PDB file of N, CA and C in Angstrom:
ATOM      1  N   MET A   1     -17.978  -3.898 -21.438  1.00  0.00           N
ATOM      2  CA  MET A   1     -18.652  -4.050 -22.708  1.00  0.00           C
ATOM      3  C   MET A   1     -17.610  -4.120 -23.815  1.00  0.00           C
ATOM      4  N   GLY A   2     -18.012  -4.702 -24.900  1.00  0.00           N
ATOM      5  CA  GLY A   2     -17.082  -4.850 -26.001  1.00  0.00           C
ATOM      6  C   GLY A   2     -17.813  -5.150 -27.290  1.00  0.00           C
ATOM      7  N   THR A   3     -17.065  -5.729 -28.215  1.00  0.00           N
ATOM      8  CA  THR A   3     -17.610  -6.073 -29.518  1.00  0.00           C
ATOM      9  C   THR A   3     -17.459  -7.571 -29.745  1.00  0.00           C
ATOM     10  N   LEU A   4     -18.516  -8.183 -30.239  1.00  0.00           N
ATOM     11  CA  LEU A   4     -18.510  -9.595 -30.586  1.00  0.00           C
ATOM     12  C   LEU A   4     -18.410  -9.706 -32.108  1.00  0.00           C
ATOM     13  N   PHE A   5     -17.395 -10.408 -32.579  1.00  0.00           N
ATOM     14  CA  PHE A   5     -17.229 -10.681 -33.998  1.00  0.00           C
ATOM     15  C   PHE A   5     -17.692 -12.098 -34.259  1.00  0.00           C
ATOM     16  N   VAL A   6     -18.713 -12.242 -35.085  1.00  0.00           N
ATOM     17  CA  VAL A   6     -19.244 -13.542 -35.484  1.00  0.00           C
ATOM     18  C   VAL A   6     -18.656 -13.833 -36.862  1.00  0.00           C
ATOM     19  N   ILE A   7     -17.769 -14.822 -36.923  1.00  0.00           N
ATOM     20  CA  ILE A   7     -17.042 -15.113 -38.160  1.00  0.00           C
ATOM     21  C   ILE A   7     -17.579 -16.400 -38.755  1.00  0.00           C
ATOM     22  N   GLY A   8     -18.178 -16.294 -39.931  1.00  0.00           N
ATOM     23  CA  GLY A   8     -18.830 -17.423 -40.558  1.00  0.00           C
ATOM     24  C   GLY A   8     -18.193 -17.875 -41.858  1.00  0.00           C
ATOM     25  N   ARG A   9     -16.961 -17.456 -42.103  1.00  0.00           N
ATOM     26  CA  ARG A   9     -16.262 -17.894 -43.314  1.00  0.00           C
ATOM     27  C   ARG A   9     -14.756 -17.863 -43.050  1.00  0.00           C
ATOM     28  N   PRO A  10     -13.977 -18.551 -43.875  1.00  0.00           N
ATOM     29  CA  PRO A  10     -12.517 -18.523 -43.704  1.00  0.00           C
ATOM     30  C   PRO A  10     -11.978 -17.107 -43.891  1.00  0.00           C
ATOM     31  N   LEU A  11     -11.022 -16.748 -43.062  1.00  0.00           N
ATOM     32  CA  LEU A  11     -10.395 -15.428 -43.175  1.00  0.00           C
ATOM     33  C   LEU A  11      -9.254 -15.513 -44.180  1.00  0.00           C
ATOM     34  N   VAL A  12      -9.377 -14.797 -45.271  1.00  0.00           N
ATOM     35  CA  VAL A  12      -8.358 -14.850 -46.321  1.00  0.00           C
ATOM     36  C   VAL A  12      -7.683 -13.499 -46.545  1.00  0.00           C
ATOM     37  N   THR A  13      -8.173 -12.453 -45.903  1.00  0.00           N
ATOM     38  CA  THR A  13      -7.558 -11.132 -46.020  1.00  0.00           C
ATOM     39  C   THR A  13      -7.234 -10.615 -44.619  1.00  0.00           C
ATOM     40  N   GLU A  14      -6.501  -9.540 -44.566  1.00  0.00           N
ATOM     41  CA  GLU A  14      -6.102  -8.926 -43.292  1.00  0.00           C
ATOM     42  C   GLU A  14      -7.122  -7.920 -42.769  1.00  0.00           C
ATOM     43  N   THR A  15      -8.142  -7.630 -43.547  1.00  0.00           N
ATOM     44  CA  THR A  15      -9.091  -6.569 -43.212  1.00  0.00           C
ATOM     45  C   THR A  15      -9.698  -6.741 -41.827  1.00  0.00           C
ATOM     46  N   LEU A  16     -10.266  -7.891 -41.562  1.00  0.00           N
ATOM     47  CA  LEU A  16     -10.941  -8.097 -40.285  1.00  0.00           C
ATOM     48  C   LEU A  16      -9.956  -8.112 -39.124  1.00  0.00           C
ATOM     49  N   LEU A  17      -8.813  -8.766 -39.303  1.00  0.00           N
ATOM     50  CA  LEU A  17      -7.808  -8.802 -38.237  1.00  0.00           C
ATOM     51  C   LEU A  17      -7.340  -7.398 -37.869  1.00  0.00           C
ATOM     52  N   ALA A  18      -7.086  -6.574 -38.873  1.00  0.00           N
ATOM     53  CA  ALA A  18      -6.637  -5.206 -38.618  1.00  0.00           C
ATOM     54  C   ALA A  18      -7.703  -4.404 -37.878  1.00  0.00           C
ATOM     55  N   THR A  19      -8.950  -4.584 -38.261  1.00  0.00           N
ATOM     56  CA  THR A  19     -10.055  -3.889 -37.595  1.00  0.00           C
ATOM     57  C   THR A  19     -10.174  -4.310 -36.146  1.00  0.00           C
ATOM     58  N   MET A  20     -10.132  -5.629 -35.909  1.00  0.00           N
ATOM     59  CA  MET A  20     -10.249  -6.129 -34.536  1.00  0.00           C
ATOM     60  C   MET A  20      -9.090  -5.651 -33.675  1.00  0.00           C
ATOM     61  N   GLU A  21      -7.890  -5.707 -34.222  1.00  0.00           N
ATOM     62  CA  GLU A  21      -6.717  -5.300 -33.444  1.00  0.00           C
ATOM     63  C   GLU A  21      -6.779  -3.820 -33.086  1.00  0.00           C
ATOM     64  N   ALA A  22      -7.231  -2.989 -34.002  1.00  0.00           N
ATOM     65  CA  ALA A  22      -7.364  -1.555 -33.720  1.00  0.00           C
ATOM     66  C   ALA A  22      -8.391  -1.315 -32.618  1.00  0.00           C
ATOM     67  N   LEU A  23      -9.504  -2.032 -32.667  1.00  0.00           N
ATOM     68  CA  LEU A  23     -10.539  -1.880 -31.634  1.00  0.00           C
ATOM     69  C   LEU A  23     -10.077  -2.412 -30.280  1.00  0.00           C
ATOM     70  N   ALA A  24      -9.202  -3.406 -30.292  1.00  0.00           N
ATOM     71  CA  ALA A  24      -8.750  -4.027 -29.044  1.00  0.00           C
ATOM     72  C   ALA A  24      -8.017  -3.049 -28.139  1.00  0.00           C
ATOM     73  N   ALA A  25      -7.486  -1.990 -28.714  1.00  0.00           N
ATOM     74  CA  ALA A  25      -6.812  -0.973 -27.902  1.00  0.00           C
ATOM     75  C   ALA A  25      -7.804  -0.187 -27.052  1.00  0.00           C
ATOM     76  N   GLU A  26      -9.085  -0.214 -27.435  1.00  0.00           N
ATOM     77  CA  GLU A  26     -10.101   0.594 -26.764  1.00  0.00           C
ATOM     78  C   GLU A  26     -11.166  -0.208 -26.032  1.00  0.00           C
ATOM     79  N   GLU A  27     -11.364  -1.474 -26.420  1.00  0.00           N
ATOM     80  CA  GLU A  27     -12.459  -2.245 -25.842  1.00  0.00           C
ATOM     81  C   GLU A  27     -12.175  -3.742 -25.924  1.00  0.00           C
ATOM     82  N   GLU A  28     -13.003  -4.505 -25.231  1.00  0.00           N
ATOM     83  CA  GLU A  28     -12.884  -5.956 -25.276  1.00  0.00           C
ATOM     84  C   GLU A  28     -13.325  -6.473 -26.638  1.00  0.00           C
ATOM     85  N   ILE A  29     -12.620  -7.493 -27.111  1.00  0.00           N
ATOM     86  CA  ILE A  29     -12.950  -8.130 -28.386  1.00  0.00           C
ATOM     87  C   ILE A  29     -13.213  -9.610 -28.127  1.00  0.00           C
ATOM     88  N   HIS A  30     -14.378 -10.073 -28.529  1.00  0.00           N
ATOM     89  CA  HIS A  30     -14.756 -11.479 -28.404  1.00  0.00           C
ATOM     90  C   HIS A  30     -15.040 -12.004 -29.804  1.00  0.00           C
ATOM     91  N   VAL A  31     -14.628 -13.246 -30.067  1.00  0.00           N
ATOM     92  CA  VAL A  31     -14.812 -13.849 -31.387  1.00  0.00           C
ATOM     93  C   VAL A  31     -15.524 -15.185 -31.217  1.00  0.00           C
ATOM     94  N   VAL A  32     -16.515 -15.419 -32.058  1.00  0.00           N
ATOM     95  CA  VAL A  32     -17.149 -16.737 -32.122  1.00  0.00           C
ATOM     96  C   VAL A  32     -17.146 -17.170 -33.585  1.00  0.00           C
ATOM     97  N   PHE A  33     -16.582 -18.352 -33.826  1.00  0.00           N
ATOM     98  CA  PHE A  33     -16.560 -18.935 -35.158  1.00  0.00           C
ATOM     99  C   PHE A  33     -17.814 -19.783 -35.337  1.00  0.00           C
ATOM    100  N   VAL A  34     -18.512 -19.590 -36.438  1.00  0.00           N
ATOM    101  CA  VAL A  34     -19.731 -20.348 -36.734  1.00  0.00           C
ATOM    102  C   VAL A  34     -19.655 -20.884 -38.162  1.00  0.00           C
ATOM    103  N   GLN A  35     -20.386 -21.936 -38.430  1.00  0.00           N
ATOM    104  CA  GLN A  35     -20.545 -22.515 -39.768  1.00  0.00           C
ATOM    105  C   GLN A  35     -19.200 -22.620 -40.487  1.00  0.00           C
ATOM    106  N   GLY A  36     -19.046 -22.007 -41.644  1.00  0.00           N
ATOM    107  CA  GLY A  36     -17.813 -22.099 -42.427  1.00  0.00           C
ATOM    108  C   GLY A  36     -16.613 -21.451 -41.779  1.00  0.00           C
ATOM    109  N   GLY A  37     -16.852 -20.600 -40.796  1.00  0.00           N
ATOM    110  CA  GLY A  37     -15.753 -19.935 -40.104  1.00  0.00           C
ATOM    111  C   GLY A  37     -15.039 -20.813 -39.094  1.00  0.00           C
ATOM    112  N   VAL A  38     -15.615 -21.965 -38.785  1.00  0.00           N
ATOM    113  CA  VAL A  38     -15.016 -22.871 -37.804  1.00  0.00           C
ATOM    114  C   VAL A  38     -13.635 -23.343 -38.272  1.00  0.00           C
ATOM    115  N   VAL A  39     -13.402 -23.380 -39.580  1.00  0.00           N
ATOM    116  CA  VAL A  39     -12.089 -23.804 -40.079  1.00  0.00           C
ATOM    117  C   VAL A  39     -10.974 -22.899 -39.575  1.00  0.00           C
ATOM    118  N   ASN A  40     -11.286 -21.648 -39.263  1.00  0.00           N
ATOM    119  CA  ASN A  40     -10.286 -20.722 -38.726  1.00  0.00           C
ATOM    120  C   ASN A  40      -9.751 -21.180 -37.374  1.00  0.00           C
ATOM    121  N   ALA A  41     -10.574 -21.884 -36.621  1.00  0.00           N
ATOM    122  CA  ALA A  41     -10.195 -22.308 -35.279  1.00  0.00           C
ATOM    123  C   ALA A  41      -9.108 -23.381 -35.290  1.00  0.00           C
ATOM    124  N   SER A  42      -8.875 -24.016 -36.428  1.00  0.00           N
ATOM    125  CA  SER A  42      -7.818 -25.024 -36.508  1.00  0.00           C
ATOM    126  C   SER A  42      -6.520 -24.456 -37.080  1.00  0.00           C
ATOM    127  N   ASP A  43      -6.505 -23.173 -37.381  1.00  0.00           N
ATOM    128  CA  ASP A  43      -5.316 -22.514 -37.923  1.00  0.00           C
ATOM    129  C   ASP A  43      -4.523 -21.890 -36.765  1.00  0.00           C
ATOM    130  N   GLU A  44      -3.511 -22.614 -36.284  1.00  0.00           N
ATOM    131  CA  GLU A  44      -2.742 -22.155 -35.115  1.00  0.00           C
ATOM    132  C   GLU A  44      -2.064 -20.817 -35.359  1.00  0.00           C
ATOM    133  N   SER A  45      -1.599 -20.589 -36.560  1.00  0.00           N
ATOM    134  CA  SER A  45      -0.957 -19.316 -36.888  1.00  0.00           C
ATOM    135  C   SER A  45      -1.955 -18.160 -36.756  1.00  0.00           C
ATOM    136  N   LEU A  46      -3.141 -18.355 -37.282  1.00  0.00           N
ATOM    137  CA  LEU A  46      -4.183 -17.332 -37.190  1.00  0.00           C
ATOM    138  C   LEU A  46      -4.574 -17.079 -35.735  1.00  0.00           C
ATOM    139  N   LEU A  47      -4.748 -18.142 -34.973  1.00  0.00           N
ATOM    140  CA  LEU A  47      -5.117 -17.977 -33.565  1.00  0.00           C
ATOM    141  C   LEU A  47      -4.032 -17.222 -32.804  1.00  0.00           C
ATOM    142  N   GLY A  48      -2.781 -17.491 -33.130  1.00  0.00           N
ATOM    143  CA  GLY A  48      -1.688 -16.758 -32.499  1.00  0.00           C
ATOM    144  C   GLY A  48      -1.742 -15.277 -32.810  1.00  0.00           C
ATOM    145  N   ARG A  49      -2.124 -14.945 -34.030  1.00  0.00           N
ATOM    146  CA  ARG A  49      -2.248 -13.543 -34.428  1.00  0.00           C
ATOM    147  C   ARG A  49      -3.455 -12.876 -33.787  1.00  0.00           C
ATOM    148  N   MET A  50      -4.381 -13.687 -33.263  1.00  0.00           N
ATOM    149  CA  MET A  50      -5.578 -13.147 -32.611  1.00  0.00           C
ATOM    150  C   MET A  50      -5.422 -13.131 -31.086  1.00  0.00           C
ATOM    151  N   SER A  51      -4.199 -13.155 -30.609  1.00  0.00           N
ATOM    152  CA  SER A  51      -3.959 -13.207 -29.155  1.00  0.00           C
ATOM    153  C   SER A  51      -4.452 -11.956 -28.426  1.00  0.00           C
ATOM    154  N   PHE A  52      -4.729 -10.895 -29.130  1.00  0.00           N
ATOM    155  CA  PHE A  52      -5.239  -9.664 -28.527  1.00  0.00           C
ATOM    156  C   PHE A  52      -6.711  -9.769 -28.117  1.00  0.00           C
ATOM    157  N   THR A  53      -7.408 -10.831 -28.564  1.00  0.00           N
ATOM    158  CA  THR A  53      -8.832 -10.962 -28.241  1.00  0.00           C
ATOM    159  C   THR A  53      -9.022 -11.392 -26.792  1.00  0.00           C
ATOM    160  N   ASP A  54     -10.180 -11.075 -26.246  1.00  0.00           N
ATOM    161  CA  ASP A  54     -10.501 -11.472 -24.879  1.00  0.00           C
ATOM    162  C   ASP A  54     -11.068 -12.881 -24.820  1.00  0.00           C
ATOM    163  N   SER A  55     -11.661 -13.347 -25.912  1.00  0.00           N
ATOM    164  CA  SER A  55     -12.130 -14.736 -25.971  1.00  0.00           C
ATOM    165  C   SER A  55     -12.263 -15.185 -27.414  1.00  0.00           C
ATOM    166  N   LEU A  56     -11.970 -16.467 -27.616  1.00  0.00           N
ATOM    167  CA  LEU A  56     -12.145 -17.124 -28.911  1.00  0.00           C
ATOM    168  C   LEU A  56     -13.023 -18.332 -28.679  1.00  0.00           C
ATOM    169  N   SER A  57     -14.116 -18.444 -29.420  1.00  0.00           N
ATOM    170  CA  SER A  57     -15.071 -19.539 -29.231  1.00  0.00           C
ATOM    171  C   SER A  57     -15.515 -20.105 -30.567  1.00  0.00           C
ATOM    172  N   CYS A  58     -15.982 -21.353 -30.512  1.00  0.00           N
ATOM    173  CA  CYS A  58     -16.621 -22.004 -31.661  1.00  0.00           C
ATOM    174  C   CYS A  58     -18.026 -22.399 -31.241  1.00  0.00           C
ATOM    175  N   LEU A  59     -18.977 -22.170 -32.109  1.00  0.00           N
ATOM    176  CA  LEU A  59     -20.349 -22.570 -31.831  1.00  0.00           C
ATOM    177  C   LEU A  59     -20.522 -24.036 -32.186  1.00  0.00           C
ATOM    178  N   ASP A  60     -20.768 -24.856 -31.173  1.00  0.00           N
ATOM    179  CA  ASP A  60     -21.041 -26.283 -31.338  1.00  0.00           C
ATOM    180  C   ASP A  60     -19.998 -27.018 -32.178  1.00  0.00           C
ATOM    181  N   ALA A  61     -18.733 -26.679 -32.006  1.00  0.00           N
ATOM    182  CA  ALA A  61     -17.650 -27.384 -32.699  1.00  0.00           C
ATOM    183  C   ALA A  61     -16.442 -27.443 -31.769  1.00  0.00           C
ATOM    184  N   ASP A  62     -15.714 -28.524 -31.847  1.00  0.00           N
ATOM    185  CA  ASP A  62     -14.522 -28.690 -31.021  1.00  0.00           C
ATOM    186  C   ASP A  62     -13.285 -28.284 -31.802  1.00  0.00           C
ATOM    187  N   SER A  63     -12.424 -27.532 -31.149  1.00  0.00           N
ATOM    188  CA  SER A  63     -11.147 -27.169 -31.729  1.00  0.00           C
ATOM    189  C   SER A  63     -10.193 -26.878 -30.584  1.00  0.00           C
ATOM    190  N   GLU A  64      -9.007 -27.430 -30.669  1.00  0.00           N
ATOM    191  CA  GLU A  64      -8.027 -27.264 -29.606  1.00  0.00           C
ATOM    192  C   GLU A  64      -7.652 -25.792 -29.459  1.00  0.00           C
ATOM    193  N   GLY A  65      -7.662 -25.294 -28.239  1.00  0.00           N
ATOM    194  CA  GLY A  65      -7.280 -23.919 -27.968  1.00  0.00           C
ATOM    195  C   GLY A  65      -8.395 -22.905 -28.109  1.00  0.00           C
ATOM    196  N   VAL A  66      -9.575 -23.367 -28.498  1.00  0.00           N
ATOM    197  CA  VAL A  66     -10.723 -22.479 -28.666  1.00  0.00           C
ATOM    198  C   VAL A  66     -11.880 -23.056 -27.860  1.00  0.00           C
ATOM    199  N   GLU A  67     -12.520 -22.205 -27.075  1.00  0.00           N
ATOM    200  CA  GLU A  67     -13.619 -22.663 -26.238  1.00  0.00           C
ATOM    201  C   GLU A  67     -14.838 -23.037 -27.078  1.00  0.00           C
ATOM    202  N   ARG A  68     -15.428 -24.168 -26.763  1.00  0.00           N
ATOM    203  CA  ARG A  68     -16.674 -24.576 -27.426  1.00  0.00           C
ATOM    204  C   ARG A  68     -17.838 -23.946 -26.666  1.00  0.00           C
ATOM    205  N   VAL A  69     -18.733 -23.296 -27.396  1.00  0.00           N
ATOM    206  CA  VAL A  69     -19.936 -22.743 -26.776  1.00  0.00           C
ATOM    207  C   VAL A  69     -21.157 -23.322 -27.469  1.00  0.00           C
ATOM    208  N   ASP A  70     -22.211 -23.475 -26.710  1.00  0.00           N
ATOM    209  CA  ASP A  70     -23.480 -23.887 -27.278  1.00  0.00           C
ATOM    210  C   ASP A  70     -24.333 -22.628 -27.471  1.00  0.00           C
ATOM    211  N   TYR A  71     -25.593 -22.837 -27.781  1.00  0.00           N
ATOM    212  CA  TYR A  71     -26.484 -21.706 -28.031  1.00  0.00           C
ATOM    213  C   TYR A  71     -26.544 -20.753 -26.826  1.00  0.00           C
ATOM    214  N   LEU A  72     -26.625 -21.298 -25.620  1.00  0.00           N
ATOM    215  CA  LEU A  72     -26.683 -20.437 -24.426  1.00  0.00           C
ATOM    216  C   LEU A  72     -25.378 -19.673 -24.227  1.00  0.00           C
ATOM    217  N   GLY A  73     -24.263 -20.311 -24.545  1.00  0.00           N
ATOM    218  CA  GLY A  73     -22.971 -19.623 -24.454  1.00  0.00           C
ATOM    219  C   GLY A  73     -22.889 -18.466 -25.433  1.00  0.00           C
ATOM    220  N   TRP A  74     -23.445 -18.687 -26.627  1.00  0.00           N
ATOM    221  CA  TRP A  74     -23.476 -17.632 -27.623  1.00  0.00           C
ATOM    222  C   TRP A  74     -24.354 -16.477 -27.134  1.00  0.00           C
ATOM    223  N   LEU A  75     -25.488 -16.796 -26.544  1.00  0.00           N
ATOM    224  CA  LEU A  75     -26.350 -15.745 -25.987  1.00  0.00           C
ATOM    225  C   LEU A  75     -25.633 -14.964 -24.895  1.00  0.00           C
ATOM    226  N   ASN A  76     -24.852 -15.647 -24.073  1.00  0.00           N
ATOM    227  CA  ASN A  76     -24.092 -14.953 -23.027  1.00  0.00           C
ATOM    228  C   ASN A  76     -23.105 -13.964 -23.639  1.00  0.00           C
ATOM    229  N   LEU A  77     -22.442 -14.362 -24.718  1.00  0.00           N
ATOM    230  CA  LEU A  77     -21.524 -13.440 -25.396  1.00  0.00           C
ATOM    231  C   LEU A  77     -22.276 -12.232 -25.940  1.00  0.00           C
ATOM    232  N   ILE A  78     -23.446 -12.465 -26.511  1.00  0.00           N
ATOM    233  CA  ILE A  78     -24.251 -11.359 -27.036  1.00  0.00           C
ATOM    234  C   ILE A  78     -24.636 -10.399 -25.918  1.00  0.00           C
ATOM    235  N   GLU A  79     -24.959 -10.937 -24.749  1.00  0.00           N
ATOM    236  CA  GLU A  79     -25.365 -10.096 -23.628  1.00  0.00           C
ATOM    237  C   GLU A  79     -24.239  -9.230 -23.093  1.00  0.00           C
ATOM    238  N   VAL A  80     -22.998  -9.718 -23.119  1.00  0.00           N
ATOM    239  CA  VAL A  80     -21.891  -8.940 -22.558  1.00  0.00           C
ATOM    240  C   VAL A  80     -21.283  -7.962 -23.552  1.00  0.00           C
ATOM    241  N   CYS A  81     -21.676  -8.056 -24.812  1.00  0.00           N
ATOM    242  CA  CYS A  81     -21.135  -7.159 -25.840  1.00  0.00           C
ATOM    243  C   CYS A  81     -22.188  -6.157 -26.278  1.00  0.00           C
ATOM    244  N   GLU A  82     -21.757  -4.917 -26.403  1.00  0.00           N
ATOM    245  CA  GLU A  82     -22.702  -3.882 -26.827  1.00  0.00           C
ATOM    246  C   GLU A  82     -22.801  -3.759 -28.338  1.00  0.00           C
ATOM    247  N   LYS A  83     -21.808  -4.321 -29.063  1.00  0.00           N
ATOM    248  CA  LYS A  83     -21.825  -4.283 -30.527  1.00  0.00           C
ATOM    249  C   LYS A  83     -21.557  -5.683 -31.065  1.00  0.00           C
ATOM    250  N   ILE A  84     -22.145  -5.977 -32.218  1.00  0.00           N
ATOM    251  CA  ILE A  84     -21.932  -7.273 -32.879  1.00  0.00           C
ATOM    252  C   ILE A  84     -21.587  -6.999 -34.344  1.00  0.00           C
ATOM    253  N   VAL A  85     -20.510  -7.634 -34.799  1.00  0.00           N
ATOM    254  CA  VAL A  85     -20.098  -7.538 -36.190  1.00  0.00           C
ATOM    255  C   VAL A  85     -20.176  -8.928 -36.783  1.00  0.00           C
ATOM    256  N   SER A  86     -20.897  -9.066 -37.892  1.00  0.00           N
ATOM    257  CA  SER A  86     -21.020 -10.355 -38.565  1.00  0.00           C
ATOM    258  C   SER A  86     -20.134 -10.366 -39.799  1.00  0.00           C
ATOM    259  N   TRP A  87     -19.243 -11.343 -39.877  1.00  0.00           N
ATOM    260  CA  TRP A  87     -18.347 -11.493 -41.014  1.00  0.00           C
ATOM    261  C   TRP A  87     -18.663 -12.818 -41.678  1.00  0.00           C
ATOM    262  N   THR A  88     -19.661 -12.795 -42.559  1.00  0.00           N
ATOM    263  CA  THR A  88     -20.110 -14.044 -43.192  1.00  0.00           C
ATOM    264  C   THR A  88     -20.122 -13.921 -44.693  1.00  0.00           C
TER     265      THR A  88
END
């Protein structure tokens, strides 16, 4: 079990990254970029800094190095995570 972070906007501060990294020491961290947050998936530097995550996904969007998931894929992530954090 782990935590799913649903990111729906560009990350411009360190707050969320620091939180995710701290939690990664104790549990699995999964990230799905949605809507306005999909722009994060094209930032190679940001993705490199998120290497501690167990999975990085985009909802219905293509981005190199990030898995594309559809609605069912998103539901699967929700099922395997006991907590969900929305950053929108």
